[in-house]
Amino acid sequence: HINNQYVRHGELDLNEFFTIVDLT
């Protein structure tokens, strides 16, 4: 899902923009 604390500076950083939550 989207990381709502991410602030863009320059090129979009997918690893910072997205949050991965392990639901296993």
mmCIF file of all heavy atoms, coordinates in Angstrom:
data_MODEL
# 
_entry.id   MODEL 
# 
loop_
_atom_site.group_PDB 
_atom_site.id 
_atom_site.type_symbol 
_atom_site.label_atom_id 
_atom_site.label_alt_id 
_atom_site.label_comp_id 
_atom_site.label_asym_id 
_atom_site.label_entity_id 
_atom_site.label_seq_id 
_atom_site.pdbx_PDB_ins_code 
_atom_site.Cartn_x 
_atom_site.Cartn_y 
_atom_site.Cartn_z 
_atom_site.occupancy 
_atom_site.B_iso_or_equiv 
_atom_site.pdbx_formal_charge 
_atom_site.auth_seq_id 
_atom_site.auth_comp_id 
_atom_site.auth_asym_id 
_atom_site.auth_atom_id 
_atom_site.pdbx_PDB_model_num 
ATOM 1   N N   . HIS A 1 1  ? 0.838  -1.199  0.000   1.00 0.00 ? 1  HIS A N   1 
ATOM 2   C CA  . HIS A 1 1  ? 0.000  0.000   0.000   1.00 0.00 ? 1  HIS A CA  1 
ATOM 3   C C   . HIS A 1 1  ? 0.875  1.252   0.000   1.00 0.00 ? 1  HIS A C   1 
ATOM 4   O O   . HIS A 1 1  ? 2.105  1.188   0.135   1.00 0.00 ? 1  HIS A O   1 
ATOM 5   C CB  . HIS A 1 1  ? -0.982 0.004   1.175   1.00 0.00 ? 1  HIS A CB  1 
ATOM 6   C CG  . HIS A 1 1  ? -0.358 0.186   2.528   1.00 0.00 ? 1  HIS A CG  1 
ATOM 7   N ND1 . HIS A 1 1  ? 0.037  1.399   3.020   1.00 0.00 ? 1  HIS A ND1 1 
ATOM 8   C CD2 . HIS A 1 1  ? -0.072 -0.717  3.507   1.00 0.00 ? 1  HIS A CD2 1 
ATOM 9   C CE1 . HIS A 1 1  ? 0.536  1.266   4.225   1.00 0.00 ? 1  HIS A CE1 1 
ATOM 10  N NE2 . HIS A 1 1  ? 0.492  -0.026  4.555   1.00 0.00 ? 1  HIS A NE2 1 
ATOM 11  N N   . ILE A 1 2  ? 0.244  2.395   -0.157  1.00 0.00 ? 2  ILE A N   1 
ATOM 12  C CA  . ILE A 1 2  ? 0.969  3.659   -0.269  1.00 0.00 ? 2  ILE A CA  1 
ATOM 13  C C   . ILE A 1 2  ? 1.424  4.141   1.108   1.00 0.00 ? 2  ILE A C   1 
ATOM 14  O O   . ILE A 1 2  ? 0.669  4.091   2.083   1.00 0.00 ? 2  ILE A O   1 
ATOM 15  C CB  . ILE A 1 2  ? 0.082  4.724   -0.940  1.00 0.00 ? 2  ILE A CB  1 
ATOM 16  C CG1 . ILE A 1 2  ? -0.201 4.334   -2.397  1.00 0.00 ? 2  ILE A CG1 1 
ATOM 17  C CG2 . ILE A 1 2  ? 0.724  6.101   -0.882  1.00 0.00 ? 2  ILE A CG2 1 
ATOM 18  C CD1 . ILE A 1 2  ? -1.210 5.243   -3.086  1.00 0.00 ? 2  ILE A CD1 1 
ATOM 19  N N   . ASN A 1 3  ? 2.656  4.613   1.163   1.00 0.00 ? 3  ASN A N   1 
ATOM 20  C CA  . ASN A 1 3  ? 3.202  5.220   2.376   1.00 0.00 ? 3  ASN A CA  1 
ATOM 21  C C   . ASN A 1 3  ? 2.842  6.703   2.371   1.00 0.00 ? 3  ASN A C   1 
ATOM 22  O O   . ASN A 1 3  ? 3.427  7.492   1.618   1.00 0.00 ? 3  ASN A O   1 
ATOM 23  C CB  . ASN A 1 3  ? 4.724  5.027   2.401   1.00 0.00 ? 3  ASN A CB  1 
ATOM 24  C CG  . ASN A 1 3  ? 5.399  5.843   3.501   1.00 0.00 ? 3  ASN A CG  1 
ATOM 25  O OD1 . ASN A 1 3  ? 4.759  6.252   4.466   1.00 0.00 ? 3  ASN A OD1 1 
ATOM 26  N ND2 . ASN A 1 3  ? 6.695  6.087   3.334   1.00 0.00 ? 3  ASN A ND2 1 
ATOM 27  N N   . ASN A 1 4  ? 1.891  7.083   3.203   1.00 0.00 ? 4  ASN A N   1 
ATOM 28  C CA  . ASN A 1 4  ? 1.421  8.475   3.164   1.00 0.00 ? 4  ASN A CA  1 
ATOM 29  C C   . ASN A 1 4  ? 2.395  9.461   3.803   1.00 0.00 ? 4  ASN A C   1 
ATOM 30  O O   . ASN A 1 4  ? 2.143  10.672  3.812   1.00 0.00 ? 4  ASN A O   1 
ATOM 31  C CB  . ASN A 1 4  ? 0.035  8.606   3.794   1.00 0.00 ? 4  ASN A CB  1 
ATOM 32  C CG  . ASN A 1 4  ? -0.001 8.227   5.255   1.00 0.00 ? 4  ASN A CG  1 
ATOM 33  O OD1 . ASN A 1 4  ? 1.020  7.862   5.843   1.00 0.00 ? 4  ASN A OD1 1 
ATOM 34  N ND2 . ASN A 1 4  ? -1.175 8.314   5.862   1.00 0.00 ? 4  ASN A ND2 1 
ATOM 35  N N   . GLN A 1 5  ? 3.517  8.972   4.344   1.00 0.00 ? 5  GLN A N   1 
ATOM 36  C CA  . GLN A 1 5  ? 4.543  9.866   4.897   1.00 0.00 ? 5  GLN A CA  1 
ATOM 37  C C   . GLN A 1 5  ? 5.651  10.163  3.887   1.00 0.00 ? 5  GLN A C   1 
ATOM 38  O O   . GLN A 1 5  ? 6.534  10.979  4.161   1.00 0.00 ? 5  GLN A O   1 
ATOM 39  C CB  . GLN A 1 5  ? 5.159  9.232   6.152   1.00 0.00 ? 5  GLN A CB  1 
ATOM 40  C CG  . GLN A 1 5  ? 4.158  9.023   7.283   1.00 0.00 ? 5  GLN A CG  1 
ATOM 41  C CD  . GLN A 1 5  ? 3.435  10.302  7.655   1.00 0.00 ? 5  GLN A CD  1 
ATOM 42  O OE1 . GLN A 1 5  ? 4.063  11.316  7.961   1.00 0.00 ? 5  GLN A OE1 1 
ATOM 43  N NE2 . GLN A 1 5  ? 2.113  10.273  7.626   1.00 0.00 ? 5  GLN A NE2 1 
ATOM 44  N N   . TYR A 1 6  ? 5.576  9.527   2.741   1.00 0.00 ? 6  TYR A N   1 
ATOM 45  C CA  . TYR A 1 6  ? 6.602  9.746   1.717   1.00 0.00 ? 6  TYR A CA  1 
ATOM 46  C C   . TYR A 1 6  ? 6.480  11.157  1.134   1.00 0.00 ? 6  TYR A C   1 
ATOM 47  O O   . TYR A 1 6  ? 5.390  11.619  0.800   1.00 0.00 ? 6  TYR A O   1 
ATOM 48  C CB  . TYR A 1 6  ? 6.444  8.710   0.607   1.00 0.00 ? 6  TYR A CB  1 
ATOM 49  C CG  . TYR A 1 6  ? 7.304  8.970   -0.613  1.00 0.00 ? 6  TYR A CG  1 
ATOM 50  C CD1 . TYR A 1 6  ? 8.683  8.822   -0.561  1.00 0.00 ? 6  TYR A CD1 1 
ATOM 51  C CD2 . TYR A 1 6  ? 6.730  9.373   -1.817  1.00 0.00 ? 6  TYR A CD2 1 
ATOM 52  C CE1 . TYR A 1 6  ? 9.467  9.049   -1.678  1.00 0.00 ? 6  TYR A CE1 1 
ATOM 53  C CE2 . TYR A 1 6  ? 7.506  9.597   -2.940  1.00 0.00 ? 6  TYR A CE2 1 
ATOM 54  C CZ  . TYR A 1 6  ? 8.875  9.443   -2.864  1.00 0.00 ? 6  TYR A CZ  1 
ATOM 55  O OH  . TYR A 1 6  ? 9.652  9.676   -3.977  1.00 0.00 ? 6  TYR A OH  1 
ATOM 56  N N   . VAL A 1 7  ? 7.616  11.840  1.046   1.00 0.00 ? 7  VAL A N   1 
ATOM 57  C CA  . VAL A 1 7  ? 7.658  13.161  0.426   1.00 0.00 ? 7  VAL A CA  1 
ATOM 58  C C   . VAL A 1 7  ? 8.575  13.066  -0.787  1.00 0.00 ? 7  VAL A C   1 
ATOM 59  O O   . VAL A 1 7  ? 9.731  12.647  -0.670  1.00 0.00 ? 7  VAL A O   1 
ATOM 60  C CB  . VAL A 1 7  ? 8.187  14.238  1.399   1.00 0.00 ? 7  VAL A CB  1 
ATOM 61  C CG1 . VAL A 1 7  ? 8.220  15.598  0.702   1.00 0.00 ? 7  VAL A CG1 1 
ATOM 62  C CG2 . VAL A 1 7  ? 7.320  14.291  2.649   1.00 0.00 ? 7  VAL A CG2 1 
ATOM 63  N N   . ARG A 1 8  ? 8.064  13.453  -1.913  1.00 0.00 ? 8  ARG A N   1 
ATOM 64  C CA  . ARG A 1 8  ? 8.856  13.319  -3.140  1.00 0.00 ? 8  ARG A CA  1 
ATOM 65  C C   . ARG A 1 8  ? 9.932  14.390  -3.220  1.00 0.00 ? 8  ARG A C   1 
ATOM 66  O O   . ARG A 1 8  ? 9.689  15.572  -2.979  1.00 0.00 ? 8  ARG A O   1 
ATOM 67  C CB  . ARG A 1 8  ? 7.954  13.403  -4.373  1.00 0.00 ? 8  ARG A CB  1 
ATOM 68  C CG  . ARG A 1 8  ? 8.718  13.252  -5.679  1.00 0.00 ? 8  ARG A CG  1 
ATOM 69  C CD  . ARG A 1 8  ? 7.815  13.028  -6.861  1.00 0.00 ? 8  ARG A CD  1 
ATOM 70  N NE  . ARG A 1 8  ? 8.590  12.778  -8.072  1.00 0.00 ? 8  ARG A NE  1 
ATOM 71  C CZ  . ARG A 1 8  ? 8.091  12.290  -9.193  1.00 0.00 ? 8  ARG A CZ  1 
ATOM 72  N NH1 . ARG A 1 8  ? 6.796  11.994  -9.280  1.00 0.00 ? 8  ARG A NH1 1 
ATOM 73  N NH2 . ARG A 1 8  ? 8.851  12.088  -10.246 1.00 0.00 ? 8  ARG A NH2 1 
ATOM 74  N N   . HIS A 1 9  ? 11.125 13.938  -3.594  1.00 0.00 ? 9  HIS A N   1 
ATOM 75  C CA  . HIS A 1 9  ? 12.235 14.838  -3.922  1.00 0.00 ? 9  HIS A CA  1 
ATOM 76  C C   . HIS A 1 9  ? 12.949 14.224  -5.117  1.00 0.00 ? 9  HIS A C   1 
ATOM 77  O O   . HIS A 1 9  ? 13.607 13.201  -4.992  1.00 0.00 ? 9  HIS A O   1 
ATOM 78  C CB  . HIS A 1 9  ? 13.202 14.987  -2.741  1.00 0.00 ? 9  HIS A CB  1 
ATOM 79  C CG  . HIS A 1 9  ? 12.600 15.625  -1.535  1.00 0.00 ? 9  HIS A CG  1 
ATOM 80  N ND1 . HIS A 1 9  ? 12.249 16.954  -1.486  1.00 0.00 ? 9  HIS A ND1 1 
ATOM 81  C CD2 . HIS A 1 9  ? 12.267 15.110  -0.321  1.00 0.00 ? 9  HIS A CD2 1 
ATOM 82  C CE1 . HIS A 1 9  ? 11.738 17.237  -0.296  1.00 0.00 ? 9  HIS A CE1 1 
ATOM 83  N NE2 . HIS A 1 9  ? 11.724 16.130  0.423   1.00 0.00 ? 9  HIS A NE2 1 
ATOM 84  N N   . GLY A 1 10 ? 12.780 14.842  -6.262  1.00 0.00 ? 10 GLY A N   1 
ATOM 85  C CA  . GLY A 1 10 ? 13.393 14.290  -7.468  1.00 0.00 ? 10 GLY A CA  1 
ATOM 86  C C   . GLY A 1 10 ? 12.595 13.109  -8.002  1.00 0.00 ? 10 GLY A C   1 
ATOM 87  O O   . GLY A 1 10 ? 11.366 13.096  -7.955  1.00 0.00 ? 10 GLY A O   1 
ATOM 88  N N   . GLU A 1 11 ? 13.311 12.101  -8.511  1.00 0.00 ? 11 GLU A N   1 
ATOM 89  C CA  . GLU A 1 11 ? 12.653 10.931  -9.082  1.00 0.00 ? 11 GLU A CA  1 
ATOM 90  C C   . GLU A 1 11 ? 11.863 10.178  -8.010  1.00 0.00 ? 11 GLU A C   1 
ATOM 91  O O   . GLU A 1 11 ? 12.279 10.115  -6.851  1.00 0.00 ? 11 GLU A O   1 
ATOM 92  C CB  . GLU A 1 11 ? 13.684 9.984   -9.713  1.00 0.00 ? 11 GLU A CB  1 
ATOM 93  C CG  . GLU A 1 11 ? 14.337 10.532  -10.980 1.00 0.00 ? 11 GLU A CG  1 
ATOM 94  C CD  . GLU A 1 11 ? 13.336 10.767  -12.090 1.00 0.00 ? 11 GLU A CD  1 
ATOM 95  O OE1 . GLU A 1 11 ? 12.491 9.872   -12.322 1.00 0.00 ? 11 GLU A OE1 1 
ATOM 96  O OE2 . GLU A 1 11 ? 13.384 11.848  -12.716 1.00 0.00 ? 11 GLU A OE2 1 
ATOM 97  N N   . LEU A 1 12 ? 10.748 9.603   -8.441  1.00 0.00 ? 12 LEU A N   1 
ATOM 98  C CA  . LEU A 1 12 ? 9.926  8.830   -7.521  1.00 0.00 ? 12 LEU A CA  1 
ATOM 99  C C   . LEU A 1 12 ? 10.686 7.596   -7.053  1.00 0.00 ? 12 LEU A C   1 
ATOM 100 O O   . LEU A 1 12 ? 11.239 6.846   -7.852  1.00 0.00 ? 12 LEU A O   1 
ATOM 101 C CB  . LEU A 1 12 ? 8.635  8.407   -8.231  1.00 0.00 ? 12 LEU A CB  1 
ATOM 102 C CG  . LEU A 1 12 ? 7.515  7.864   -7.353  1.00 0.00 ? 12 LEU A CG  1 
ATOM 103 C CD1 . LEU A 1 12 ? 6.917  8.988   -6.506  1.00 0.00 ? 12 LEU A CD1 1 
ATOM 104 C CD2 . LEU A 1 12 ? 6.432  7.225   -8.208  1.00 0.00 ? 12 LEU A CD2 1 
ATOM 105 N N   . ASP A 1 13 ? 10.733 7.379   -5.748  1.00 0.00 ? 13 ASP A N   1 
ATOM 106 C CA  . ASP A 1 13 ? 11.417 6.230   -5.149  1.00 0.00 ? 13 ASP A CA  1 
ATOM 107 C C   . ASP A 1 13 ? 10.356 5.200   -4.772  1.00 0.00 ? 13 ASP A C   1 
ATOM 108 O O   . ASP A 1 13 ? 9.642  5.352   -3.769  1.00 0.00 ? 13 ASP A O   1 
ATOM 109 C CB  . ASP A 1 13 ? 12.206 6.683   -3.914  1.00 0.00 ? 13 ASP A CB  1 
ATOM 110 C CG  . ASP A 1 13 ? 13.056 5.569   -3.313  1.00 0.00 ? 13 ASP A CG  1 
ATOM 111 O OD1 . ASP A 1 13 ? 12.701 4.394   -3.486  1.00 0.00 ? 13 ASP A OD1 1 
ATOM 112 O OD2 . ASP A 1 13 ? 14.065 5.889   -2.650  1.00 0.00 ? 13 ASP A OD2 1 
ATOM 113 N N   . LEU A 1 14 ? 10.235 4.137   -5.574  1.00 0.00 ? 14 LEU A N   1 
ATOM 114 C CA  . LEU A 1 14 ? 9.189  3.146   -5.340  1.00 0.00 ? 14 LEU A CA  1 
ATOM 115 C C   . LEU A 1 14 ? 9.322  2.488   -3.979  1.00 0.00 ? 14 LEU A C   1 
ATOM 116 O O   . LEU A 1 14 ? 8.318  2.182   -3.326  1.00 0.00 ? 14 LEU A O   1 
ATOM 117 C CB  . LEU A 1 14 ? 9.216  2.075   -6.437  1.00 0.00 ? 14 LEU A CB  1 
ATOM 118 C CG  . LEU A 1 14 ? 8.840  2.517   -7.852  1.00 0.00 ? 14 LEU A CG  1 
ATOM 119 C CD1 . LEU A 1 14 ? 8.740  1.298   -8.772  1.00 0.00 ? 14 LEU A CD1 1 
ATOM 120 C CD2 . LEU A 1 14 ? 7.523  3.278   -7.858  1.00 0.00 ? 14 LEU A CD2 1 
ATOM 121 N N   . ASN A 1 15 ? 10.544 2.246   -3.536  1.00 0.00 ? 15 ASN A N   1 
ATOM 122 C CA  . ASN A 1 15 ? 10.747 1.572   -2.251  1.00 0.00 ? 15 ASN A CA  1 
ATOM 123 C C   . ASN A 1 15 ? 10.322 2.434   -1.072  1.00 0.00 ? 15 ASN A C   1 
ATOM 124 O O   . ASN A 1 15 ? 9.989  1.910   -0.004  1.00 0.00 ? 15 ASN A O   1 
ATOM 125 C CB  . ASN A 1 15 ? 12.211 1.152   -2.098  1.00 0.00 ? 15 ASN A CB  1 
ATOM 126 C CG  . ASN A 1 15 ? 12.597 0.069   -3.085  1.00 0.00 ? 15 ASN A CG  1 
ATOM 127 O OD1 . ASN A 1 15 ? 11.899 -0.932  -3.208  1.00 0.00 ? 15 ASN A OD1 1 
ATOM 128 N ND2 . ASN A 1 15 ? 13.688 0.268   -3.813  1.00 0.00 ? 15 ASN A ND2 1 
ATOM 129 N N   . GLU A 1 16 ? 10.352 3.739   -1.267  1.00 0.00 ? 16 GLU A N   1 
ATOM 130 C CA  . GLU A 1 16 ? 9.888  4.653   -0.220  1.00 0.00 ? 16 GLU A CA  1 
ATOM 131 C C   . GLU A 1 16 ? 8.397  4.953   -0.376  1.00 0.00 ? 16 GLU A C   1 
ATOM 132 O O   . GLU A 1 16 ? 7.681  5.130   0.614   1.00 0.00 ? 16 GLU A O   1 
ATOM 133 C CB  . GLU A 1 16 ? 10.684 5.957   -0.264  1.00 0.00 ? 16 GLU A CB  1 
ATOM 134 C CG  . GLU A 1 16 ? 12.140 5.802   0.133   1.00 0.00 ? 16 GLU A CG  1 
ATOM 135 C CD  . GLU A 1 16 ? 12.301 5.412   1.600   1.00 0.00 ? 16 GLU A CD  1 
ATOM 136 O OE1 . GLU A 1 16 ? 11.467 5.852   2.417   1.00 0.00 ? 16 GLU A OE1 1 
ATOM 137 O OE2 . GLU A 1 16 ? 13.240 4.658   1.912   1.00 0.00 ? 16 GLU A OE2 1 
ATOM 138 N N   . PHE A 1 17 ? 7.946  5.003   -1.609  1.00 0.00 ? 17 PHE A N   1 
ATOM 139 C CA  . PHE A 1 17 ? 6.542  5.326   -1.884  1.00 0.00 ? 17 PHE A CA  1 
ATOM 140 C C   . PHE A 1 17 ? 5.614  4.212   -1.411  1.00 0.00 ? 17 PHE A C   1 
ATOM 141 O O   . PHE A 1 17 ? 4.527  4.471   -0.886  1.00 0.00 ? 17 PHE A O   1 
ATOM 142 C CB  . PHE A 1 17 ? 6.357  5.564   -3.381  1.00 0.00 ? 17 PHE A CB  1 
ATOM 143 C CG  . PHE A 1 17 ? 4.932  5.783   -3.802  1.00 0.00 ? 17 PHE A CG  1 
ATOM 144 C CD1 . PHE A 1 17 ? 4.265  6.949   -3.458  1.00 0.00 ? 17 PHE A CD1 1 
ATOM 145 C CD2 . PHE A 1 17 ? 4.256  4.831   -4.543  1.00 0.00 ? 17 PHE A CD2 1 
ATOM 146 C CE1 . PHE A 1 17 ? 2.951  7.157   -3.842  1.00 0.00 ? 17 PHE A CE1 1 
ATOM 147 C CE2 . PHE A 1 17 ? 2.942  5.023   -4.939  1.00 0.00 ? 17 PHE A CE2 1 
ATOM 148 C CZ  . PHE A 1 17 ? 2.284  6.188   -4.583  1.00 0.00 ? 17 PHE A CZ  1 
ATOM 149 N N   . PHE A 1 18 ? 6.036  2.973   -1.584  1.00 0.00 ? 18 PHE A N   1 
ATOM 150 C CA  . PHE A 1 18 ? 5.217  1.832   -1.178  1.00 0.00 ? 18 PHE A CA  1 
ATOM 151 C C   . PHE A 1 18 ? 5.656  1.269   0.174   1.00 0.00 ? 18 PHE A C   1 
ATOM 152 O O   . PHE A 1 18 ? 6.838  1.281   0.506   1.00 0.00 ? 18 PHE A O   1 
ATOM 153 C CB  . PHE A 1 18 ? 5.290  0.712   -2.220  1.00 0.00 ? 18 PHE A CB  1 
ATOM 154 C CG  . PHE A 1 18 ? 4.526  0.997   -3.482  1.00 0.00 ? 18 PHE A CG  1 
ATOM 155 C CD1 . PHE A 1 18 ? 5.202  1.193   -4.683  1.00 0.00 ? 18 PHE A CD1 1 
ATOM 156 C CD2 . PHE A 1 18 ? 3.142  1.055   -3.484  1.00 0.00 ? 18 PHE A CD2 1 
ATOM 157 C CE1 . PHE A 1 18 ? 4.506  1.439   -5.855  1.00 0.00 ? 18 PHE A CE1 1 
ATOM 158 C CE2 . PHE A 1 18 ? 2.437  1.307   -4.649  1.00 0.00 ? 18 PHE A CE2 1 
ATOM 159 C CZ  . PHE A 1 18 ? 3.118  1.500   -5.836  1.00 0.00 ? 18 PHE A CZ  1 
ATOM 160 N N   . THR A 1 19 ? 4.681  0.783   0.905   1.00 0.00 ? 19 THR A N   1 
ATOM 161 C CA  . THR A 1 19 ? 4.926  0.036   2.137   1.00 0.00 ? 19 THR A CA  1 
ATOM 162 C C   . THR A 1 19 ? 4.475  -1.403  1.913   1.00 0.00 ? 19 THR A C   1 
ATOM 163 O O   . THR A 1 19 ? 3.370  -1.633  1.398   1.00 0.00 ? 19 THR A O   1 
ATOM 164 C CB  . THR A 1 19 ? 4.143  0.641   3.317   1.00 0.00 ? 19 THR A CB  1 
ATOM 165 O OG1 . THR A 1 19 ? 4.644  1.951   3.588   1.00 0.00 ? 19 THR A OG1 1 
ATOM 166 C CG2 . THR A 1 19 ? 4.293  -0.212  4.571   1.00 0.00 ? 19 THR A CG2 1 
ATOM 167 N N   . ILE A 1 20 ? 5.307  -2.348  2.277   1.00 0.00 ? 20 ILE A N   1 
ATOM 168 C CA  . ILE A 1 20 ? 4.961  -3.760  2.140   1.00 0.00 ? 20 ILE A CA  1 
ATOM 169 C C   . ILE A 1 20 ? 4.690  -4.332  3.527   1.00 0.00 ? 20 ILE A C   1 
ATOM 170 O O   . ILE A 1 20 ? 5.545  -4.259  4.420   1.00 0.00 ? 20 ILE A O   1 
ATOM 171 C CB  . ILE A 1 20 ? 6.080  -4.550  1.448   1.00 0.00 ? 20 ILE A CB  1 
ATOM 172 C CG1 . ILE A 1 20 ? 6.350  -3.983  0.051   1.00 0.00 ? 20 ILE A CG1 1 
ATOM 173 C CG2 . ILE A 1 20 ? 5.720  -6.033  1.359   1.00 0.00 ? 20 ILE A CG2 1 
ATOM 174 C CD1 . ILE A 1 20 ? 7.522  -4.636  -0.663  1.00 0.00 ? 20 ILE A CD1 1 
ATOM 175 N N   . VAL A 1 21 ? 3.502  -4.879  3.716   1.00 0.00 ? 21 VAL A N   1 
ATOM 176 C CA  . VAL A 1 21 ? 3.100  -5.436  5.008   1.00 0.00 ? 21 VAL A CA  1 
ATOM 177 C C   . VAL A 1 21 ? 2.966  -6.954  4.847   1.00 0.00 ? 21 VAL A C   1 
ATOM 178 O O   . VAL A 1 21 ? 2.175  -7.440  4.030   1.00 0.00 ? 21 VAL A O   1 
ATOM 179 C CB  . VAL A 1 21 ? 1.764  -4.841  5.487   1.00 0.00 ? 21 VAL A CB  1 
ATOM 180 C CG1 . VAL A 1 21 ? 1.375  -5.421  6.851   1.00 0.00 ? 21 VAL A CG1 1 
ATOM 181 C CG2 . VAL A 1 21 ? 1.848  -3.320  5.552   1.00 0.00 ? 21 VAL A CG2 1 
ATOM 182 N N   . ASP A 1 22 ? 3.731  -7.693  5.625   1.00 0.00 ? 22 ASP A N   1 
ATOM 183 C CA  . ASP A 1 22 ? 3.698  -9.153  5.571   1.00 0.00 ? 22 ASP A CA  1 
ATOM 184 C C   . ASP A 1 22 ? 2.452  -9.656  6.312   1.00 0.00 ? 22 ASP A C   1 
ATOM 185 O O   . ASP A 1 22 ? 2.328  -9.487  7.522   1.00 0.00 ? 22 ASP A O   1 
ATOM 186 C CB  . ASP A 1 22 ? 4.968  -9.722  6.209   1.00 0.00 ? 22 ASP A CB  1 
ATOM 187 C CG  . ASP A 1 22 ? 5.117  -11.219 5.991   1.00 0.00 ? 22 ASP A CG  1 
ATOM 188 O OD1 . ASP A 1 22 ? 4.101  -11.881 5.711   1.00 0.00 ? 22 ASP A OD1 1 
ATOM 189 O OD2 . ASP A 1 22 ? 6.248  -11.729 6.112   1.00 0.00 ? 22 ASP A OD2 1 
ATOM 190 N N   . LEU A 1 23 ? 1.545  -10.271 5.568   1.00 0.00 ? 23 LEU A N   1 
ATOM 191 C CA  . LEU A 1 23 ? 0.304  -10.780 6.149   1.00 0.00 ? 23 LEU A CA  1 
ATOM 192 C C   . LEU A 1 23 ? 0.272  -12.307 6.170   1.00 0.00 ? 23 LEU A C   1 
ATOM 193 O O   . LEU A 1 23 ? -0.797 -12.902 6.309   1.00 0.00 ? 23 LEU A O   1 
ATOM 194 C CB  . LEU A 1 23 ? -0.904 -10.261 5.347   1.00 0.00 ? 23 LEU A CB  1 
ATOM 195 C CG  . LEU A 1 23 ? -1.146 -8.754  5.330   1.00 0.00 ? 23 LEU A CG  1 
ATOM 196 C CD1 . LEU A 1 23 ? -2.367 -8.432  4.480   1.00 0.00 ? 23 LEU A CD1 1 
ATOM 197 C CD2 . LEU A 1 23 ? -1.319 -8.207  6.736   1.00 0.00 ? 23 LEU A CD2 1 
ATOM 198 N N   . THR A 1 24 ? 1.436  -12.921 6.037   1.00 0.00 ? 24 THR A N   1 
ATOM 199 C CA  . THR A 1 24 ? 1.468  -14.382 5.897   1.00 0.00 ? 24 THR A CA  1 
ATOM 200 C C   . THR A 1 24 ? 0.795  -15.086 7.070   1.00 0.00 ? 24 THR A C   1 
ATOM 201 O O   . THR A 1 24 ? -0.052 -15.974 6.871   1.00 0.00 ? 24 THR A O   1 
ATOM 202 C CB  . THR A 1 24 ? 2.927  -14.870 5.763   1.00 0.00 ? 24 THR A CB  1 
ATOM 203 O OG1 . THR A 1 24 ? 3.581  -14.120 4.731   1.00 0.00 ? 24 THR A OG1 1 
ATOM 204 C CG2 . THR A 1 24 ? 2.957  -16.342 5.390   1.00 0.00 ? 24 THR A CG2 1 
# 
